[in-house]
Amino acid sequence: MIYLDLFIGFLQVGLFAFGGAYGAIPLIRDVVLSYGWIEDEMLAYMIAVSESTPGPIMVNLATYVGSAQAGFWGALIATAAVVLPSFVIILLVMALLKRALKNPWMQAVLRGVKPCIVGIILATGLFFVFRNCFGSVKATAVNGMAILLTAALALIYFGSRKVLKKGLSPIGLIGLSALAGMLAYGFH
């Protein structure tokens, strides 16, 4: 039964996740929490780990959750389920690409979906900022160190764009964030 649940849950994520990994995080969160596979706090940690490791976040999360729930076969089934829709869609798109992109209806759909994806990514980012800095979106507890680190990393990122004219690479920012986290939280 767990194998079927993993397949169906992550197939839903693969089918309905548009806009890349950050746009898929709310959907992954809903699926994982609705099945009770992991808690919200552990999901936040796994998103951070999945972002820091090579590979797509959706695949990394599916693999982790599948492995945690049903071992090797669970990881394999969850990973296959999350990538299956994209694989099939890419095969179909490649076959129809030239025609589809010239179609004005398809262009209109793509232009219409783009602002939605931007909004989903922005909402997800704000959710995690509030969750990290205040304990929840309702701001029940304040984490001063998290606020300080978030502000410092944002200042470094946007400041580097002004000074370097191209900004800090995502890899550099992740490394800097990990170092700051170790310094701030590792010595308590």
N, C-alpha and C. Protein backbone atom coordinates (compact mmCIF):
# COMPACT_ATOMS: atom_id res chain seq x y z
N MET A 1 0.81 -1.19 0.00
CA MET A 1 0.00 0.00 0.00
C MET A 1 0.86 1.26 0.00
N ILE A 2 1.95 1.26 0.76
CA ILE A 2 2.81 2.45 0.82
C ILE A 2 3.41 2.73 -0.56
N TYR A 3 3.73 1.69 -1.31
CA TYR A 3 4.29 1.89 -2.65
C TYR A 3 3.28 2.59 -3.56
N LEU A 4 2.03 2.18 -3.48
CA LEU A 4 0.99 2.81 -4.29
C LEU A 4 0.77 4.26 -3.85
N ASP A 5 0.76 4.50 -2.53
CA ASP A 5 0.62 5.87 -2.02
C ASP A 5 1.77 6.75 -2.48
N LEU A 6 2.99 6.24 -2.41
CA LEU A 6 4.15 7.02 -2.87
C LEU A 6 4.04 7.32 -4.36
N PHE A 7 3.63 6.31 -5.13
CA PHE A 7 3.50 6.51 -6.57
C PHE A 7 2.44 7.56 -6.88
N ILE A 8 1.26 7.42 -6.29
CA ILE A 8 0.17 8.36 -6.57
C ILE A 8 0.51 9.76 -6.06
N GLY A 9 1.04 9.85 -4.86
CA GLY A 9 1.38 11.15 -4.29
C GLY A 9 2.39 11.91 -5.13
N PHE A 10 3.47 11.25 -5.49
CA PHE A 10 4.50 11.94 -6.26
C PHE A 10 4.18 12.04 -7.74
N LEU A 11 3.28 11.19 -8.23
CA LEU A 11 2.79 11.37 -9.59
C LEU A 11 1.97 12.66 -9.67
N GLN A 12 1.18 12.95 -8.63
CA GLN A 12 0.45 14.21 -8.56
C GLN A 12 1.42 15.40 -8.59
N VAL A 13 2.48 15.31 -7.83
CA VAL A 13 3.48 16.38 -7.83
C VAL A 13 4.06 16.54 -9.22
N GLY A 14 4.45 15.45 -9.84
CA GLY A 14 5.03 15.51 -11.17
C GLY A 14 4.07 16.03 -12.22
N LEU A 15 2.78 15.71 -12.08
CA LEU A 15 1.78 16.14 -13.06
C LEU A 15 1.43 17.62 -12.93
N PHE A 16 1.37 18.12 -11.71
CA PHE A 16 0.82 19.46 -11.49
C PHE A 16 1.85 20.49 -11.04
N ALA A 17 3.10 20.15 -11.02
CA ALA A 17 4.15 21.08 -10.60
C ALA A 17 4.65 21.85 -11.82
N PHE A 18 4.23 23.10 -11.93
CA PHE A 18 4.68 23.95 -13.02
C PHE A 18 5.58 25.04 -12.45
N GLY A 19 6.55 25.45 -13.22
CA GLY A 19 7.40 26.56 -12.81
C GLY A 19 8.65 26.14 -12.08
N GLY A 20 9.00 24.88 -12.13
CA GLY A 20 10.23 24.43 -11.51
C GLY A 20 10.03 24.06 -10.05
N ALA A 21 11.14 23.81 -9.38
CA ALA A 21 11.12 23.28 -8.03
C ALA A 21 10.45 24.21 -7.03
N TYR A 22 10.74 25.49 -7.10
CA TYR A 22 10.19 26.41 -6.10
C TYR A 22 8.68 26.54 -6.26
N GLY A 23 8.20 26.46 -7.47
CA GLY A 23 6.77 26.45 -7.69
C GLY A 23 6.12 25.17 -7.23
N ALA A 24 6.89 24.09 -7.13
CA ALA A 24 6.36 22.79 -6.72
C ALA A 24 6.37 22.59 -5.21
N ILE A 25 7.11 23.39 -4.49
CA ILE A 25 7.24 23.18 -3.04
C ILE A 25 5.88 23.19 -2.33
N PRO A 26 4.98 24.13 -2.63
CA PRO A 26 3.67 24.06 -1.94
C PRO A 26 2.91 22.76 -2.23
N LEU A 27 3.01 22.28 -3.46
CA LEU A 27 2.34 21.03 -3.82
C LEU A 27 2.99 19.85 -3.11
N ILE A 28 4.31 19.81 -3.09
CA ILE A 28 5.02 18.75 -2.38
C ILE A 28 4.64 18.77 -0.90
N ARG A 29 4.60 19.97 -0.33
CA ARG A 29 4.24 20.12 1.08
C ARG A 29 2.85 19.55 1.34
N ASP A 30 1.89 19.91 0.50
CA ASP A 30 0.52 19.42 0.68
C ASP A 30 0.46 17.89 0.60
N VAL A 31 1.13 17.32 -0.39
CA VAL A 31 1.10 15.87 -0.57
C VAL A 31 1.77 15.16 0.61
N VAL A 32 2.95 15.62 0.98
CA VAL A 32 3.72 14.96 2.04
C VAL A 32 2.99 15.06 3.38
N LEU A 33 2.42 16.23 3.67
CA LEU A 33 1.71 16.40 4.94
C LEU A 33 0.37 15.66 4.95
N SER A 34 -0.32 15.63 3.80
CA SER A 34 -1.61 14.94 3.76
C SER A 34 -1.45 13.43 3.98
N TYR A 35 -0.36 12.86 3.51
CA TYR A 35 -0.11 11.44 3.74
C TYR A 35 0.54 11.20 5.10
N GLY A 36 1.01 12.28 5.75
CA GLY A 36 1.64 12.13 7.06
C GLY A 36 3.02 11.50 7.00
N TRP A 37 3.71 11.66 5.88
CA TRP A 37 5.01 11.02 5.72
C TRP A 37 6.08 11.68 6.56
N ILE A 38 6.13 12.99 6.59
CA ILE A 38 7.07 13.71 7.45
C ILE A 38 6.40 14.97 7.97
N GLU A 39 6.96 15.53 9.04
CA GLU A 39 6.41 16.73 9.65
C GLU A 39 6.87 17.97 8.87
N ASP A 40 6.18 19.07 9.10
CA ASP A 40 6.44 20.34 8.41
C ASP A 40 7.88 20.82 8.64
N GLU A 41 8.35 20.72 9.87
CA GLU A 41 9.70 21.18 10.18
C GLU A 41 10.76 20.34 9.45
N MET A 42 10.56 19.02 9.43
CA MET A 42 11.49 18.14 8.72
C MET A 42 11.47 18.43 7.23
N LEU A 43 10.30 18.76 6.69
CA LEU A 43 10.20 19.10 5.28
C LEU A 43 11.03 20.35 4.98
N ALA A 44 10.96 21.34 5.85
CA ALA A 44 11.76 22.56 5.65
C ALA A 44 13.25 22.22 5.64
N TYR A 45 13.68 21.35 6.53
CA TYR A 45 15.09 20.93 6.54
C TYR A 45 15.45 20.20 5.25
N MET A 46 14.55 19.32 4.81
CA MET A 46 14.84 18.54 3.61
C MET A 46 14.85 19.42 2.36
N ILE A 47 14.06 20.47 2.34
CA ILE A 47 14.11 21.40 1.22
C ILE A 47 15.47 22.08 1.19
N ALA A 48 15.96 22.47 2.35
CA ALA A 48 17.28 23.10 2.42
C ALA A 48 18.37 22.13 1.96
N VAL A 49 18.29 20.88 2.43
CA VAL A 49 19.28 19.88 2.03
C VAL A 49 19.15 19.58 0.54
N SER A 50 17.92 19.43 0.05
CA SER A 50 17.69 19.13 -1.37
C SER A 50 18.19 20.24 -2.26
N GLU A 51 18.08 21.48 -1.78
CA GLU A 51 18.57 22.61 -2.57
C GLU A 51 20.09 22.65 -2.59
N SER A 52 20.69 22.15 -1.53
CA SER A 52 22.15 22.20 -1.41
C SER A 52 22.85 21.04 -2.09
N THR A 53 22.11 20.00 -2.45
CA THR A 53 22.72 18.84 -3.08
C THR A 53 22.47 18.87 -4.58
N PRO A 54 23.31 18.20 -5.34
CA PRO A 54 23.12 18.19 -6.80
C PRO A 54 21.79 17.52 -7.18
N GLY A 55 21.20 18.04 -8.23
CA GLY A 55 19.96 17.46 -8.73
C GLY A 55 18.77 18.34 -8.43
N PRO A 56 17.67 18.06 -9.11
CA PRO A 56 16.45 18.84 -8.90
C PRO A 56 15.86 18.61 -7.51
N ILE A 57 15.32 19.65 -6.92
CA ILE A 57 14.76 19.57 -5.58
C ILE A 57 13.62 18.55 -5.52
N MET A 58 12.74 18.55 -6.53
CA MET A 58 11.61 17.61 -6.51
C MET A 58 12.10 16.17 -6.49
N VAL A 59 13.11 15.88 -7.28
CA VAL A 59 13.63 14.51 -7.33
C VAL A 59 14.31 14.16 -6.01
N ASN A 60 15.10 15.09 -5.48
CA ASN A 60 15.76 14.83 -4.20
C ASN A 60 14.76 14.60 -3.08
N LEU A 61 13.72 15.44 -3.02
CA LEU A 61 12.69 15.27 -1.99
C LEU A 61 11.93 13.97 -2.16
N ALA A 62 11.56 13.64 -3.39
CA ALA A 62 10.85 12.39 -3.63
C ALA A 62 11.70 11.19 -3.21
N THR A 63 12.97 11.24 -3.55
CA THR A 63 13.87 10.15 -3.20
C THR A 63 14.00 10.03 -1.68
N TYR A 64 14.16 11.16 -1.01
CA TYR A 64 14.29 11.12 0.45
C TYR A 64 13.03 10.58 1.12
N VAL A 65 11.88 11.14 0.75
CA VAL A 65 10.62 10.72 1.37
C VAL A 65 10.35 9.25 1.07
N GLY A 66 10.55 8.83 -0.18
CA GLY A 66 10.36 7.43 -0.53
C GLY A 66 11.26 6.51 0.25
N SER A 67 12.52 6.91 0.41
CA SER A 67 13.47 6.11 1.17
C SER A 67 13.09 6.05 2.65
N ALA A 68 12.66 7.18 3.20
CA ALA A 68 12.28 7.22 4.62
C ALA A 68 11.04 6.37 4.88
N GLN A 69 10.15 6.27 3.90
CA GLN A 69 8.89 5.54 4.11
C GLN A 69 9.00 4.07 3.74
N ALA A 70 9.79 3.73 2.72
CA ALA A 70 9.77 2.34 2.25
C ALA A 70 11.12 1.87 1.72
N GLY A 71 12.20 2.46 2.17
CA GLY A 71 13.52 1.99 1.78
C GLY A 71 13.85 2.24 0.32
N PHE A 72 14.71 1.38 -0.22
CA PHE A 72 15.20 1.54 -1.59
C PHE A 72 14.07 1.56 -2.60
N TRP A 73 13.12 0.61 -2.49
CA TRP A 73 12.04 0.52 -3.48
C TRP A 73 11.10 1.72 -3.36
N GLY A 74 10.91 2.22 -2.17
CA GLY A 74 10.11 3.43 -1.99
C GLY A 74 10.76 4.63 -2.65
N ALA A 75 12.08 4.74 -2.48
CA ALA A 75 12.82 5.84 -3.12
C ALA A 75 12.72 5.73 -4.63
N LEU A 76 12.89 4.54 -5.15
CA LEU A 76 12.82 4.33 -6.59
C LEU A 76 11.43 4.64 -7.15
N ILE A 77 10.40 4.19 -6.47
CA ILE A 77 9.02 4.42 -6.93
C ILE A 77 8.67 5.90 -6.86
N ALA A 78 8.98 6.57 -5.76
CA ALA A 78 8.67 8.00 -5.61
C ALA A 78 9.42 8.82 -6.65
N THR A 79 10.68 8.50 -6.86
CA THR A 79 11.49 9.24 -7.84
C THR A 79 10.96 9.02 -9.25
N ALA A 80 10.65 7.78 -9.58
CA ALA A 80 10.10 7.49 -10.92
C ALA A 80 8.77 8.20 -11.12
N ALA A 81 7.93 8.21 -10.10
CA ALA A 81 6.62 8.84 -10.22
C ALA A 81 6.73 10.35 -10.43
N VAL A 82 7.67 11.00 -9.76
CA VAL A 82 7.79 12.45 -9.89
C VAL A 82 8.38 12.86 -11.24
N VAL A 83 9.21 12.02 -11.84
CA VAL A 83 9.80 12.38 -13.13
C VAL A 83 9.03 11.84 -14.33
N LEU A 84 8.16 10.86 -14.11
CA LEU A 84 7.43 10.24 -15.22
C LEU A 84 6.62 11.25 -16.05
N PRO A 85 5.82 12.12 -15.43
CA PRO A 85 5.06 13.07 -16.25
C PRO A 85 5.96 13.99 -17.09
N SER A 86 7.03 14.47 -16.51
CA SER A 86 7.94 15.33 -17.27
C SER A 86 8.58 14.59 -18.43
N PHE A 87 8.95 13.36 -18.20
CA PHE A 87 9.56 12.54 -19.25
C PHE A 87 8.59 12.37 -20.41
N VAL A 88 7.35 12.02 -20.11
CA VAL A 88 6.34 11.81 -21.16
C VAL A 88 6.03 13.13 -21.86
N ILE A 89 5.89 14.20 -21.09
CA ILE A 89 5.59 15.51 -21.69
C ILE A 89 6.72 15.98 -22.60
N ILE A 90 7.96 15.78 -22.18
CA ILE A 90 9.10 16.19 -23.01
C ILE A 90 9.11 15.40 -24.32
N LEU A 91 8.82 14.11 -24.25
CA LEU A 91 8.76 13.32 -25.48
C LEU A 91 7.68 13.85 -26.42
N LEU A 92 6.52 14.17 -25.87
CA LEU A 92 5.43 14.70 -26.68
C LEU A 92 5.76 16.10 -27.22
N VAL A 93 6.33 16.93 -26.37
CA VAL A 93 6.67 18.30 -26.80
C VAL A 93 7.72 18.27 -27.90
N MET A 94 8.69 17.42 -27.77
CA MET A 94 9.72 17.34 -28.81
C MET A 94 9.11 16.94 -30.15
N ALA A 95 8.10 16.10 -30.10
CA ALA A 95 7.45 15.68 -31.34
C ALA A 95 6.61 16.80 -31.95
N LEU A 96 6.07 17.66 -31.11
CA LEU A 96 5.16 18.70 -31.58
C LEU A 96 5.70 20.12 -31.42
N LEU A 97 6.97 20.26 -31.05
CA LEU A 97 7.52 21.55 -30.64
C LEU A 97 7.38 22.66 -31.68
N LYS A 98 7.76 22.40 -32.88
CA LYS A 98 7.74 23.46 -33.89
C LYS A 98 6.34 24.00 -34.12
N ARG A 99 5.38 23.12 -34.21
CA ARG A 99 4.00 23.54 -34.42
C ARG A 99 3.42 24.25 -33.21
N ALA A 100 3.67 23.69 -32.05
CA ALA A 100 3.05 24.21 -30.83
C ALA A 100 3.52 25.63 -30.52
N LEU A 101 4.80 25.89 -30.67
CA LEU A 101 5.32 27.22 -30.31
C LEU A 101 4.87 28.30 -31.28
N LYS A 102 4.49 27.93 -32.47
CA LYS A 102 3.98 28.90 -33.44
C LYS A 102 2.50 29.18 -33.24
N ASN A 103 1.83 28.33 -32.52
CA ASN A 103 0.40 28.47 -32.29
C ASN A 103 0.14 29.64 -31.34
N PRO A 104 -0.68 30.63 -31.74
CA PRO A 104 -0.94 31.78 -30.87
C PRO A 104 -1.66 31.40 -29.57
N TRP A 105 -2.46 30.34 -29.60
CA TRP A 105 -3.12 29.90 -28.38
C TRP A 105 -2.10 29.39 -27.36
N MET A 106 -1.13 28.64 -27.82
CA MET A 106 -0.08 28.13 -26.93
C MET A 106 0.74 29.28 -26.37
N GLN A 107 1.07 30.25 -27.20
CA GLN A 107 1.81 31.42 -26.72
C GLN A 107 1.01 32.17 -25.65
N ALA A 108 -0.29 32.27 -25.85
CA ALA A 108 -1.15 32.94 -24.87
C ALA A 108 -1.19 32.18 -23.55
N VAL A 109 -1.26 30.85 -23.64
CA VAL A 109 -1.25 30.03 -22.42
C VAL A 109 0.06 30.24 -21.67
N LEU A 110 1.17 30.18 -22.35
CA LEU A 110 2.47 30.34 -21.70
C LEU A 110 2.61 31.73 -21.08
N ARG A 111 2.13 32.77 -21.78
CA ARG A 111 2.19 34.12 -21.21
C ARG A 111 1.27 34.25 -20.00
N GLY A 112 0.17 33.53 -19.99
CA GLY A 112 -0.75 33.58 -18.86
C GLY A 112 -0.26 32.82 -17.65
N VAL A 113 0.45 31.73 -17.86
CA VAL A 113 0.94 30.91 -16.76
C VAL A 113 2.14 31.58 -16.07
N LYS A 114 2.92 32.32 -16.80
CA LYS A 114 4.15 32.92 -16.26
C LYS A 114 3.91 33.77 -15.00
N PRO A 115 2.94 34.71 -14.98
CA PRO A 115 2.73 35.49 -13.75
C PRO A 115 2.27 34.62 -12.57
N CYS A 116 1.53 33.58 -12.85
CA CYS A 116 1.09 32.67 -11.80
C CYS A 116 2.29 32.00 -11.15
N ILE A 117 3.23 31.55 -11.95
CA ILE A 117 4.43 30.89 -11.43
C ILE A 117 5.25 31.86 -10.60
N VAL A 118 5.39 33.09 -11.07
CA VAL A 118 6.13 34.11 -10.30
C VAL A 118 5.46 34.30 -8.94
N GLY A 119 4.14 34.39 -8.93
CA GLY A 119 3.41 34.56 -7.67
C GLY A 119 3.59 33.38 -6.73
N ILE A 120 3.55 32.17 -7.26
CA ILE A 120 3.73 30.98 -6.43
C ILE A 120 5.13 30.95 -5.82
N ILE A 121 6.13 31.27 -6.62
CA ILE A 121 7.51 31.27 -6.13
C ILE A 121 7.69 32.35 -5.06
N LEU A 122 7.14 33.54 -5.30
CA LEU A 122 7.23 34.62 -4.32
C LEU A 122 6.54 34.24 -3.02
N ALA A 123 5.34 33.67 -3.11
CA ALA A 123 4.60 33.27 -1.92
C ALA A 123 5.36 32.19 -1.14
N THR A 124 5.96 31.26 -1.85
CA THR A 124 6.74 30.21 -1.19
C THR A 124 7.95 30.80 -0.49
N GLY A 125 8.65 31.71 -1.16
CA GLY A 125 9.80 32.36 -0.54
C GLY A 125 9.41 33.12 0.71
N LEU A 126 8.33 33.88 0.64
CA LEU A 126 7.87 34.63 1.81
C LEU A 126 7.44 33.70 2.94
N PHE A 127 6.78 32.60 2.59
CA PHE A 127 6.39 31.62 3.60
C PHE A 127 7.61 31.12 4.37
N PHE A 128 8.67 30.78 3.65
CA PHE A 128 9.85 30.24 4.32
C PHE A 128 10.61 31.32 5.08
N VAL A 129 10.60 32.56 4.61
CA VAL A 129 11.23 33.64 5.38
C VAL A 129 10.51 33.81 6.70
N PHE A 130 9.17 33.89 6.66
CA PHE A 130 8.41 34.04 7.90
C PHE A 130 8.57 32.83 8.80
N ARG A 131 8.55 31.65 8.21
CA ARG A 131 8.69 30.42 9.00
C ARG A 131 10.06 30.38 9.67
N ASN A 132 11.08 30.79 8.96
CA ASN A 132 12.44 30.78 9.49
C ASN A 132 12.64 31.85 10.56
N CYS A 133 12.16 33.04 10.31
CA CYS A 133 12.44 34.18 11.19
C CYS A 133 11.46 34.31 12.35
N PHE A 134 10.22 33.88 12.16
CA PHE A 134 9.22 34.12 13.19
C PHE A 134 8.55 32.85 13.71
N GLY A 135 8.98 31.70 13.26
CA GLY A 135 8.41 30.46 13.74
C GLY A 135 7.20 30.00 12.96
N SER A 136 6.45 30.94 12.40
CA SER A 136 5.30 30.61 11.56
C SER A 136 4.87 31.87 10.82
N VAL A 137 3.93 31.71 9.93
CA VAL A 137 3.42 32.86 9.18
C VAL A 137 2.67 33.80 10.12
N LYS A 138 2.14 33.29 11.23
CA LYS A 138 1.40 34.10 12.19
C LYS A 138 2.32 34.86 13.14
N ALA A 139 3.62 34.67 13.03
CA ALA A 139 4.62 35.40 13.83
C ALA A 139 4.39 35.20 15.33
N THR A 140 4.35 33.94 15.78
CA THR A 140 4.15 33.67 17.20
C THR A 140 5.44 33.73 17.99
N ALA A 141 6.55 33.46 17.39
CA ALA A 141 7.84 33.51 18.07
C ALA A 141 8.85 34.18 17.15
N VAL A 142 9.76 34.94 17.73
CA VAL A 142 10.75 35.65 16.95
C VAL A 142 12.11 34.98 17.14
N ASN A 143 12.78 34.68 16.04
CA ASN A 143 14.12 34.10 16.08
C ASN A 143 15.09 35.18 15.61
N GLY A 144 15.67 35.89 16.56
CA GLY A 144 16.55 37.02 16.24
C GLY A 144 17.74 36.62 15.38
N MET A 145 18.34 35.47 15.67
CA MET A 145 19.50 35.02 14.91
C MET A 145 19.10 34.75 13.45
N ALA A 146 17.95 34.12 13.25
CA ALA A 146 17.48 33.84 11.89
C ALA A 146 17.21 35.14 11.14
N ILE A 147 16.62 36.13 11.81
CA ILE A 147 16.36 37.43 11.18
C ILE A 147 17.68 38.09 10.80
N LEU A 148 18.64 38.05 11.70
CA LEU A 148 19.95 38.65 11.44
C LEU A 148 20.64 37.96 10.26
N LEU A 149 20.66 36.63 10.25
CA LEU A 149 21.29 35.90 9.16
C LEU A 149 20.58 36.14 7.83
N THR A 150 19.25 36.13 7.85
CA THR A 150 18.49 36.37 6.62
C THR A 150 18.78 37.76 6.07
N ALA A 151 18.78 38.76 6.95
CA ALA A 151 19.06 40.13 6.52
C ALA A 151 20.50 40.26 6.00
N ALA A 152 21.45 39.64 6.71
CA ALA A 152 22.86 39.73 6.28
C ALA A 152 23.06 39.04 4.93
N LEU A 153 22.46 37.87 4.73
CA LEU A 153 22.62 37.17 3.46
C LEU A 153 21.93 37.91 2.32
N ALA A 154 20.77 38.51 2.60
CA ALA A 154 20.09 39.32 1.58
C ALA A 154 20.95 40.53 1.22
N LEU A 155 21.53 41.17 2.23
CA LEU A 155 22.40 42.33 1.99
C LEU A 155 23.63 41.92 1.18
N ILE A 156 24.23 40.80 1.51
CA ILE A 156 25.39 40.31 0.76
C ILE A 156 24.99 40.00 -0.68
N TYR A 157 23.86 39.32 -0.86
CA TYR A 157 23.44 38.96 -2.21
C TYR A 157 23.17 40.21 -3.06
N PHE A 158 22.32 41.10 -2.56
CA PHE A 158 21.98 42.28 -3.35
C PHE A 158 23.14 43.27 -3.43
N GLY A 159 23.96 43.33 -2.39
CA GLY A 159 25.15 44.19 -2.43
C GLY A 159 26.16 43.69 -3.44
N SER A 160 26.31 42.37 -3.55
CA SER A 160 27.26 41.82 -4.52
C SER A 160 26.80 42.11 -5.95
N ARG A 161 25.50 42.21 -6.16
CA ARG A 161 24.99 42.55 -7.50
C ARG A 161 25.38 43.98 -7.87
N LYS A 162 25.42 44.87 -6.87
CA LYS A 162 25.83 46.25 -7.12
C LYS A 162 27.34 46.35 -7.32
N VAL A 163 28.08 45.67 -6.46
CA VAL A 163 29.54 45.79 -6.48
C VAL A 163 30.15 44.99 -7.63
N LEU A 164 29.76 43.72 -7.77
CA LEU A 164 30.36 42.84 -8.77
C LEU A 164 29.68 42.95 -10.13
N LYS A 165 28.53 43.61 -10.18
CA LYS A 165 27.75 43.80 -11.41
C LYS A 165 27.15 42.50 -11.95
N LYS A 166 27.32 41.39 -11.24
CA LYS A 166 26.70 40.15 -11.69
C LYS A 166 26.13 39.35 -10.53
N GLY A 167 26.47 39.68 -9.34
CA GLY A 167 25.92 39.00 -8.18
C GLY A 167 26.69 37.75 -7.80
N LEU A 168 26.43 37.32 -6.61
CA LEU A 168 27.04 36.11 -6.06
C LEU A 168 26.35 34.90 -6.67
N SER A 169 27.11 33.89 -7.03
CA SER A 169 26.51 32.70 -7.63
C SER A 169 25.66 31.98 -6.58
N PRO A 170 24.64 31.23 -7.01
CA PRO A 170 23.84 30.46 -6.05
C PRO A 170 24.68 29.50 -5.23
N ILE A 171 25.69 28.91 -5.85
CA ILE A 171 26.57 27.98 -5.12
C ILE A 171 27.34 28.72 -4.03
N GLY A 172 27.85 29.90 -4.37
CA GLY A 172 28.56 30.71 -3.38
C GLY A 172 27.64 31.13 -2.25
N LEU A 173 26.41 31.51 -2.58
CA LEU A 173 25.45 31.92 -1.56
C LEU A 173 25.06 30.75 -0.66
N ILE A 174 24.87 29.57 -1.23
CA ILE A 174 24.56 28.40 -0.41
C ILE A 174 25.73 28.06 0.51
N GLY A 175 26.95 28.11 -0.02
CA GLY A 175 28.13 27.86 0.81
C GLY A 175 28.26 28.88 1.93
N LEU A 176 28.04 30.14 1.60
CA LEU A 176 28.10 31.20 2.60
C LEU A 176 27.01 31.00 3.65
N SER A 177 25.82 30.62 3.22
CA SER A 177 24.71 30.36 4.15
C SER A 177 25.05 29.20 5.08
N ALA A 178 25.63 28.14 4.54
CA ALA A 178 26.01 27.00 5.37
C ALA A 178 27.05 27.40 6.39
N LEU A 179 28.04 28.17 5.97
CA LEU A 179 29.08 28.64 6.89
C LEU A 179 28.48 29.53 7.98
N ALA A 180 27.61 30.45 7.58
CA ALA A 180 26.97 31.34 8.56
C ALA A 180 26.12 30.53 9.54
N GLY A 181 25.41 29.52 9.04
CA GLY A 181 24.61 28.67 9.91
C GLY A 181 25.47 27.89 10.90
N MET A 182 26.61 27.38 10.43
CA MET A 182 27.51 26.66 11.34
C MET A 182 28.06 27.59 12.39
N LEU A 183 28.43 28.78 11.99
CA LEU A 183 28.98 29.73 12.96
C LEU A 183 27.92 30.20 13.95
N ALA A 184 26.72 30.44 13.48
CA ALA A 184 25.67 30.97 14.34
C ALA A 184 25.05 29.90 15.23
N TYR A 185 24.83 28.72 14.70
CA TYR A 185 24.09 27.70 15.43
C TYR A 185 24.94 26.51 15.87
N GLY A 186 26.09 26.35 15.27
CA GLY A 186 26.89 25.16 15.53
C GLY A 186 27.65 25.16 16.85
N PHE A 187 27.79 26.30 17.45
CA PHE A 187 28.61 26.38 18.67
C PHE A 187 27.78 26.67 19.91
N HIS A 188 26.51 26.29 19.88
CA HIS A 188 25.65 26.51 21.06
C HIS A 188 25.72 25.33 21.97
